[in-house]
């Protein structure tokens, strides 16, 4: 977030500080949907129905301003929202509000001659102190009731979403894979897949009923049915094939080999930096251990389902973060409680002091918006 100030200096040198304030105009709308009582935003799309959401990163991505320099500011804020979404999965609106406050105060001080690099160093000094203090304030989330409460608050007070997320975590474990998909009914549903599921079914329904075609062979490889040995087969209790997917249930594989494979996948998870690879590896890990939970979001229209899916995804990410690192007071109160930690900081110069002091002032922003 602090880099927003220093990254905007190129624009300052060319067009003056007044030009930089223009890039802040797109931040103003974020106050509209901040907090649990925040309202939704309607986003026009080039095709299909409009999108209704209050997710900060979704709104940021949808902003494309005609003014070149305003759009530069919009892209910087998109970076803030995207990075927050990738790291935490939620809190994108709060991050955007804080980015605006830092940029606004920073531009004002820079216009009076302050050094932007030193201001950023002061801000980062405050960031480190606040992170340490927030970790001290955090309380662990352990019971299903607490998990449901966290999910409910993140989902705008929707008790049904809170309960279904709590149930999913209880059934697949805290490290299990939970995916969110469109449902086919008016109600939300939870499906637990215990075993292996492939998103491929039979090519044609006629294959299910035909008594012919029981032939195995691959001429190009010179393979015949006689080449297959008993040890080539695995053992399962049940296989279900539909037109959409294939499920292998009650697997009877070697436990030691399964554990070995789980360790290999965990090592791959630690080494990869690709979010896509992490997602797929986590799915494979869950299929080998606790299974996969699928939250099917129902509704009366695509607009309703998509809006609800955004809230379910945010609630799920917030709940995972809460389980992993604990919870703190909401509504900006936790940030206010960090203020005493800033009093002990010793900046190297006056410009760094401005950075730490500005960080002190912006703690009021989330609290005021939450009132």
Protein backbone atom coordinates (compact mmCIF):
# COMPACT_ATOMS: atom_id res chain seq x y z
CA UNK A 1 0.00 0.00 0.00
CA UNK A 2 2.76 2.41 0.94
CA UNK A 3 4.35 2.04 -2.50
CA UNK A 4 1.29 3.82 -3.96
CA UNK A 5 2.84 7.14 -2.88
CA UNK A 6 6.33 6.58 -4.29
CA UNK A 7 5.04 4.95 -7.51
CA UNK A 8 2.97 8.04 -8.26
CA UNK A 9 5.93 10.44 -8.16
CA UNK A 10 6.50 10.21 -11.92
CA UNK A 11 3.06 11.70 -12.45
CA UNK A 12 3.81 14.38 -9.85
CA UNK A 13 6.94 15.59 -11.63
CA UNK A 14 5.16 15.90 -14.97
CA UNK A 15 1.76 17.24 -14.03
CA UNK A 16 2.00 18.70 -10.54
CA UNK A 17 0.36 17.67 -7.31
CA UNK A 18 -3.10 18.69 -8.55
CA UNK A 19 -2.88 15.97 -11.17
CA UNK A 20 -2.18 13.39 -8.50
CA UNK A 21 -5.30 14.25 -6.56
CA UNK A 22 -7.31 13.33 -9.65
CA UNK A 23 -6.24 9.71 -9.31
CA UNK A 24 -7.94 9.60 -5.90
CA UNK A 25 -11.43 10.32 -7.25
CA UNK A 26 -12.12 6.65 -7.95
CA UNK A 27 -11.51 5.79 -4.29
CA UNK A 28 -14.52 7.75 -3.08
CA UNK A 29 -17.06 5.11 -4.08
CA UNK A 30 -15.50 2.54 -1.79
CA UNK A 31 -17.02 4.24 1.26
CA UNK A 32 -20.41 3.24 -0.17
CA UNK A 33 -20.02 -0.50 0.36
CA UNK A 34 -17.59 -0.61 3.28
CA UNK A 35 -18.47 -2.57 6.46
CA UNK A 36 -21.05 -5.31 7.11
CA UNK A 37 -23.90 -2.85 6.42
CA UNK A 38 -22.35 -1.70 3.15
CA UNK A 39 -24.46 -1.65 0.02
CA UNK A 40 -23.90 -3.43 -3.25
CA UNK A 41 -22.59 -1.96 -6.48
CA UNK A 42 -24.04 -2.66 -9.95
CA UNK A 43 -21.36 -3.14 -12.62
CA UNK A 44 -22.27 -2.91 -16.30
CA UNK A 45 -20.87 -5.74 -18.41
CA UNK A 46 -20.29 -5.89 -22.15
CA UNK A 47 -22.38 -9.07 -22.33
CA UNK A 48 -25.05 -10.72 -20.22
CA UNK A 49 -26.67 -9.37 -17.09
CA UNK A 50 -25.04 -6.69 -14.94
CA UNK A 51 -22.94 -7.86 -11.99
CA UNK A 52 -24.09 -6.99 -8.47
CA UNK A 53 -21.40 -7.14 -5.79
CA UNK A 54 -19.79 -5.44 -2.80
CA UNK A 55 -16.44 -7.18 -3.21
CA UNK A 56 -13.65 -4.60 -3.30
CA UNK A 57 -11.36 -6.35 -5.76
CA UNK A 58 -14.23 -7.03 -8.19
CA UNK A 59 -15.21 -3.35 -8.19
CA UNK A 60 -11.59 -2.25 -8.62
CA UNK A 61 -11.11 -4.52 -11.64
CA UNK A 62 -14.24 -3.10 -13.27
CA UNK A 63 -13.04 0.52 -13.15
CA UNK A 64 -11.67 1.88 -16.43
CA UNK A 65 -11.57 5.67 -16.61
CA UNK A 66 -11.32 7.73 -19.79
CA UNK A 67 -8.97 10.27 -18.21
CA UNK A 68 -5.45 8.85 -18.69
CA UNK A 69 -4.07 10.01 -15.34
CA UNK A 70 -7.13 9.07 -13.34
CA UNK A 71 -6.88 5.61 -14.89
CA UNK A 72 -3.25 5.35 -13.73
CA UNK A 73 -4.51 5.81 -10.18
CA UNK A 74 -7.22 3.23 -10.78
CA UNK A 75 -4.63 0.68 -11.92
CA UNK A 76 -2.52 1.33 -8.81
CA UNK A 77 -5.53 0.68 -6.62
CA UNK A 78 -6.30 -2.47 -8.58
CA UNK A 79 -2.82 -3.66 -7.60
CA UNK A 80 -3.61 -2.97 -3.93
CA UNK A 81 -6.90 -4.86 -4.12
CA UNK A 82 -5.45 -7.75 -6.15
CA UNK A 83 -2.46 -8.24 -3.84
CA UNK A 84 -4.70 -8.20 -0.78
CA UNK A 85 -7.05 -10.69 -2.40
CA UNK A 86 -4.19 -13.05 -3.29
CA UNK A 87 -2.52 -12.85 0.14
CA UNK A 88 -5.56 -12.75 2.44
CA UNK A 89 -8.56 -13.55 0.26
CA UNK A 90 -10.66 -10.83 1.89
CA UNK A 91 -10.34 -7.28 3.25
CA UNK A 92 -9.89 -5.72 -0.18
CA UNK A 93 -12.23 -2.82 0.58
CA UNK A 94 -10.37 -1.99 3.79
CA UNK A 95 -7.03 -2.12 1.95
CA UNK A 96 -8.37 0.24 -0.71
CA UNK A 97 -9.69 2.72 1.86
CA UNK A 98 -6.30 2.69 3.63
CA UNK A 99 -4.50 3.15 0.29
CA UNK A 100 -6.56 6.23 -0.43
CA UNK A 101 -5.85 7.68 3.01
CA UNK A 102 -2.10 7.10 2.67
CA UNK A 103 -2.00 8.59 -0.84
CA UNK A 104 -4.09 11.62 0.10
CA UNK A 105 -1.97 12.50 3.14
CA UNK A 106 1.23 11.69 1.28
CA UNK A 107 0.45 13.93 -1.70
CA UNK A 108 -0.40 16.81 0.62
CA UNK A 109 2.92 16.55 2.48
CA UNK A 110 4.93 16.07 -0.72
CA UNK A 111 3.41 19.24 -2.19
CA UNK A 112 4.96 21.08 0.76
CA UNK A 113 8.43 19.72 0.07
CA UNK A 114 8.60 16.41 1.96
CA UNK A 115 10.72 13.56 0.56
CA UNK A 116 8.40 10.77 -0.71
CA UNK A 117 11.05 8.05 -0.22
CA UNK A 118 11.51 8.95 3.44
CA UNK A 119 7.74 9.16 3.95
CA UNK A 120 7.42 5.62 2.59
CA UNK A 121 10.15 4.42 4.94
CA UNK A 122 8.27 5.96 7.82
CA UNK A 123 5.06 4.25 6.74
CA UNK A 124 6.80 0.87 6.47
CA UNK A 125 8.31 1.38 9.91
CA UNK A 126 4.78 1.80 11.24
CA UNK A 127 3.54 -1.21 9.25
CA UNK A 128 6.04 -3.54 10.91
CA UNK A 129 5.05 -2.32 14.36
CA UNK A 130 1.33 -2.70 13.61
CA UNK A 131 1.72 -6.25 12.27
CA UNK A 132 3.51 -7.26 15.47
CA UNK A 133 0.78 -5.67 17.59
CA UNK A 134 -2.06 -7.28 15.61
CA UNK A 135 -0.50 -10.70 16.15
CA UNK A 136 -0.52 -10.01 19.89
CA UNK A 137 -4.21 -9.02 19.76
CA UNK A 138 -5.35 -12.04 17.75
CA UNK A 139 -7.43 -14.75 19.39
CA UNK A 140 -7.59 -18.31 18.03
CA UNK A 141 -10.73 -19.66 16.35
CA UNK A 142 -11.28 -23.27 17.37
CA UNK A 143 -14.94 -24.30 17.65
CA UNK A 144 -17.49 -24.79 14.82
CA UNK A 145 -19.62 -22.07 16.44
CA UNK A 146 -16.77 -19.54 16.22
CA UNK A 147 -16.08 -20.52 12.61
CA UNK A 148 -19.76 -20.00 11.78
CA UNK A 149 -19.72 -16.57 13.45
CA UNK A 150 -16.69 -15.42 11.44
CA UNK A 151 -18.22 -16.65 8.17
CA UNK A 152 -21.59 -15.06 8.98
CA UNK A 153 -20.07 -11.63 9.64
CA UNK A 154 -17.98 -11.76 6.47
CA UNK A 155 -21.07 -12.77 4.45
CA UNK A 156 -23.01 -9.65 5.48
CA UNK A 157 -24.73 -11.37 8.39
CA UNK A 158 -26.06 -14.30 6.33
CA UNK A 159 -26.54 -17.08 8.90
CA UNK A 160 -27.11 -19.73 6.24
CA UNK A 161 -23.74 -19.05 4.61
CA UNK A 162 -22.02 -19.07 7.99
CA UNK A 163 -23.50 -22.44 8.90
CA UNK A 164 -22.75 -24.15 5.58
CA UNK A 165 -19.10 -23.01 5.65
CA UNK A 166 -18.74 -24.22 9.24
CA UNK A 167 -20.25 -27.59 8.27
CA UNK A 168 -17.90 -27.89 5.29
CA UNK A 169 -14.81 -27.24 7.41
CA UNK A 170 -16.00 -29.69 10.02
CA UNK A 171 -16.41 -32.47 7.45
CA UNK A 172 -13.26 -32.05 5.34
CA UNK A 173 -10.97 -30.57 7.98
CA UNK A 174 -9.45 -27.11 8.22
CA UNK A 175 -6.94 -27.89 5.50
CA UNK A 176 -9.43 -29.63 3.23
CA UNK A 177 -10.41 -28.30 -0.18
CA UNK A 178 -13.68 -26.33 -0.33
CA UNK A 179 -14.86 -25.08 -3.72
CA UNK A 180 -17.74 -22.75 -4.59
CA UNK A 181 -19.92 -23.48 -7.62
CA UNK A 182 -23.28 -22.49 -9.11
CA UNK A 183 -26.14 -24.56 -7.75
CA UNK A 184 -29.12 -25.83 -9.71
CA UNK A 185 -31.76 -25.15 -7.07
CA UNK A 186 -33.10 -22.18 -5.13
CA UNK A 187 -31.23 -23.22 -1.99
CA UNK A 188 -27.58 -23.55 -1.01
CA UNK A 189 -26.27 -27.11 -0.84
CA UNK A 190 -23.17 -28.81 0.55
CA UNK A 191 -21.73 -31.86 -1.23
CA UNK A 192 -18.91 -33.88 0.31
CA UNK A 193 -16.90 -35.96 -2.16
CA UNK A 194 -15.06 -38.75 -0.38
CA UNK A 195 -12.85 -40.38 -2.93
CA UNK A 196 -11.68 -39.41 -6.39
CA UNK A 197 -13.87 -37.47 -8.77
CA UNK A 198 -13.08 -36.71 -12.40
CA UNK A 199 -14.99 -34.04 -14.32
CA UNK A 200 -15.52 -36.46 -17.19
CA UNK A 201 -18.33 -38.94 -17.73
CA UNK A 202 -19.23 -41.37 -20.48
CA UNK A 203 -18.93 -40.05 -24.02
CA UNK A 204 -22.32 -41.40 -25.06
CA UNK A 205 -25.23 -42.83 -23.04
CA UNK A 206 -25.36 -45.71 -25.53
CA UNK A 207 -22.08 -47.00 -24.10
CA UNK A 208 -23.87 -47.80 -20.86
CA UNK A 209 -26.48 -50.09 -22.39
CA UNK A 210 -24.65 -51.74 -25.27
CA UNK A 211 -23.62 -55.38 -24.89
CA UNK A 212 -21.11 -55.13 -27.72
CA UNK A 213 -17.70 -53.55 -28.00
CA UNK A 214 -16.08 -55.48 -25.15
CA UNK A 215 -12.72 -55.37 -26.86
CA UNK A 216 -9.41 -54.22 -25.42
CA UNK A 217 -6.43 -53.54 -27.64
CA UNK A 218 -3.97 -50.96 -28.90
CA UNK A 219 -2.45 -51.99 -32.20
CA UNK A 220 0.05 -49.15 -32.30
CA UNK A 221 1.56 -50.29 -28.99
CA UNK A 222 1.02 -54.01 -29.59
CA UNK A 223 -0.98 -54.25 -26.36
CA UNK A 224 -3.51 -57.02 -25.85
CA UNK A 225 -5.72 -58.15 -23.01
CA UNK A 226 -3.29 -60.99 -22.30
CA UNK A 227 -0.59 -58.49 -21.33
CA UNK A 228 -2.56 -57.21 -18.34
CA UNK A 229 -1.58 -58.74 -15.01
CA UNK A 230 -3.57 -58.75 -11.72
CA UNK A 231 -1.13 -56.33 -10.09
CA UNK A 232 -1.96 -53.74 -12.79
CA UNK A 233 -5.41 -53.28 -11.27
CA UNK A 234 -6.25 -51.15 -8.27
CA UNK A 235 -9.03 -52.01 -5.85
CA UNK A 236 -12.08 -49.88 -5.07
CA UNK A 237 -15.40 -50.50 -3.44
CA UNK A 238 -17.53 -48.64 -5.98
CA UNK A 239 -17.25 -46.70 -9.25
CA UNK A 240 -20.06 -44.38 -10.37
CA UNK A 241 -20.03 -43.01 -13.93
CA UNK A 242 -22.55 -40.39 -15.06
CA UNK A 243 -22.73 -38.23 -18.16
CA UNK A 244 -20.86 -35.44 -16.31
CA UNK A 245 -18.33 -37.10 -14.03
CA UNK A 246 -16.72 -40.28 -12.73
CA UNK A 247 -16.42 -41.05 -9.01
CA UNK A 248 -14.12 -43.69 -7.51
CA UNK A 249 -15.21 -44.47 -3.94
CA UNK A 250 -13.91 -46.61 -1.07
CA UNK A 251 -10.39 -46.95 -2.43
CA UNK A 252 -8.32 -49.83 -1.09
CA UNK A 253 -4.84 -48.67 -2.01
CA UNK A 254 -1.68 -49.25 0.02
CA UNK A 255 -1.80 -46.82 2.97
CA UNK A 256 1.98 -46.39 3.07
CA UNK A 257 2.07 -45.49 -0.63
CA UNK A 258 -0.76 -43.01 -0.15
CA UNK A 259 1.09 -41.33 2.74
CA UNK A 260 4.23 -41.18 0.63
CA UNK A 261 2.31 -39.49 -2.18
CA UNK A 262 0.77 -37.00 0.26
CA UNK A 263 4.24 -35.99 1.46
CA UNK A 264 5.39 -35.53 -2.15
CA UNK A 265 2.45 -33.24 -2.92
CA UNK A 266 3.06 -31.21 0.26
CA UNK A 267 6.67 -30.68 -0.82
CA UNK A 268 5.47 -29.51 -4.24
CA UNK A 269 3.11 -27.07 -2.51
CA UNK A 270 5.98 -25.52 -0.57
CA UNK A 271 8.12 -25.02 -3.67
CA UNK A 272 5.57 -23.67 -6.17
CA UNK A 273 4.68 -19.98 -6.49
CA UNK A 274 1.82 -20.41 -8.98
CA UNK A 275 -1.63 -19.86 -7.46
CA UNK A 276 -3.14 -22.17 -10.08
CA UNK A 277 -0.71 -24.98 -9.23
CA UNK A 278 -1.36 -24.48 -5.51
CA UNK A 279 -5.10 -24.80 -6.08
CA UNK A 280 -4.74 -28.01 -8.08
CA UNK A 281 -2.21 -29.53 -5.67
CA UNK A 282 -4.50 -28.76 -2.73
CA UNK A 283 -7.35 -30.50 -4.54
CA UNK A 284 -5.19 -33.58 -5.12
CA UNK A 285 -4.08 -33.52 -1.49
CA UNK A 286 -7.66 -33.37 -0.27
CA UNK A 287 -8.73 -36.23 -2.52
CA UNK A 288 -6.01 -38.39 -0.97
CA UNK A 289 -6.90 -37.42 2.60
CA UNK A 290 -10.10 -35.75 3.76
CA UNK A 291 -12.09 -35.38 0.56
CA UNK A 292 -13.51 -32.30 -1.14
CA UNK A 293 -16.44 -30.11 -0.11
CA UNK A 294 -18.45 -28.36 -2.82
CA UNK A 295 -20.63 -25.40 -1.83
CA UNK A 296 -23.40 -25.08 -4.41
CA UNK A 297 -24.89 -21.59 -4.30
CA UNK A 298 -28.56 -21.43 -5.25
CA UNK A 299 -30.80 -18.56 -6.28
CA UNK A 300 -33.61 -17.38 -8.51
CA UNK A 301 -31.41 -15.72 -11.15
CA UNK A 302 -27.82 -15.55 -12.39
CA UNK A 303 -27.45 -12.06 -10.90
CA UNK A 304 -28.49 -13.29 -7.45
CA UNK A 305 -26.29 -16.39 -7.63
CA UNK A 306 -23.21 -14.44 -8.74
CA UNK A 307 -23.64 -11.83 -6.00
CA UNK A 308 -24.04 -14.53 -3.39
CA UNK A 309 -21.05 -16.46 -4.74
CA UNK A 310 -18.86 -13.39 -4.18
CA UNK A 311 -20.01 -13.23 -0.55
CA UNK A 312 -19.52 -16.96 -0.03
CA UNK A 313 -16.01 -16.82 -1.49
CA UNK A 314 -15.08 -13.83 0.69
CA UNK A 315 -16.56 -15.50 3.76
CA UNK A 316 -14.67 -18.71 3.03
CA UNK A 317 -11.37 -16.86 2.60
CA UNK A 318 -11.93 -14.80 5.75
CA UNK A 319 -12.76 -17.94 7.71
CA UNK A 320 -9.64 -19.73 6.51
CA UNK A 321 -7.53 -16.73 7.53
CA UNK A 322 -9.25 -16.63 10.94
CA UNK A 323 -8.60 -20.33 11.54
CA UNK A 324 -4.97 -19.95 10.51
CA UNK A 325 -4.05 -16.70 12.29
CA UNK A 326 -6.91 -15.89 14.65
CA UNK A 327 -9.32 -12.95 14.83
CA UNK A 328 -9.18 -9.38 16.12
CA UNK A 329 -11.81 -6.74 16.85
CA UNK A 330 -13.58 -5.55 13.70
CA UNK A 331 -14.80 -2.17 12.50
CA UNK A 332 -11.34 -0.62 12.68
CA UNK A 333 -11.09 -1.08 16.47
CA UNK A 334 -8.06 -3.37 16.19
CA UNK A 335 -6.17 -0.66 14.30
CA UNK A 336 -7.02 1.91 16.95
CA UNK A 337 -5.60 -0.42 19.58
CA UNK A 338 -2.32 -0.43 17.64
CA UNK A 339 -1.81 3.31 18.14
CA UNK A 340 0.20 2.92 21.40
CA UNK A 341 2.66 0.71 19.50
CA UNK A 342 3.47 3.65 17.20
CA UNK A 343 4.36 5.93 20.11
CA UNK A 344 7.52 3.93 20.78
CA UNK A 345 8.86 4.27 17.21
CA UNK A 346 11.93 6.43 16.62
CA UNK A 347 12.02 7.70 12.99
CA UNK A 348 15.43 8.71 11.59
CA UNK A 349 14.29 12.11 10.30
CA UNK A 350 11.31 14.46 10.08
CA UNK A 351 10.03 13.04 6.78
CA UNK A 352 9.98 9.52 8.21
CA UNK A 353 8.14 10.96 11.18
CA UNK A 354 5.51 12.28 8.76
CA UNK A 355 5.06 8.75 7.42
CA UNK A 356 4.55 7.21 10.85
CA UNK A 357 2.25 10.07 11.89
CA UNK A 358 0.14 9.76 8.71
CA UNK A 359 -0.22 6.06 9.42
CA UNK A 360 -1.40 7.02 12.89
CA UNK A 361 -4.07 9.32 11.41
CA UNK A 362 -5.42 6.89 8.81
CA UNK A 363 -6.39 4.39 11.53
CA UNK A 364 -9.50 6.51 12.01
CA UNK A 365 -10.71 5.90 8.43
CA UNK A 366 -12.10 2.34 8.74
CA UNK A 367 -13.65 3.17 12.12
CA UNK A 368 -15.44 6.27 10.81
CA UNK A 369 -16.70 4.41 7.73
CA UNK A 370 -17.99 1.60 9.92
CA UNK A 371 -20.16 3.90 12.02
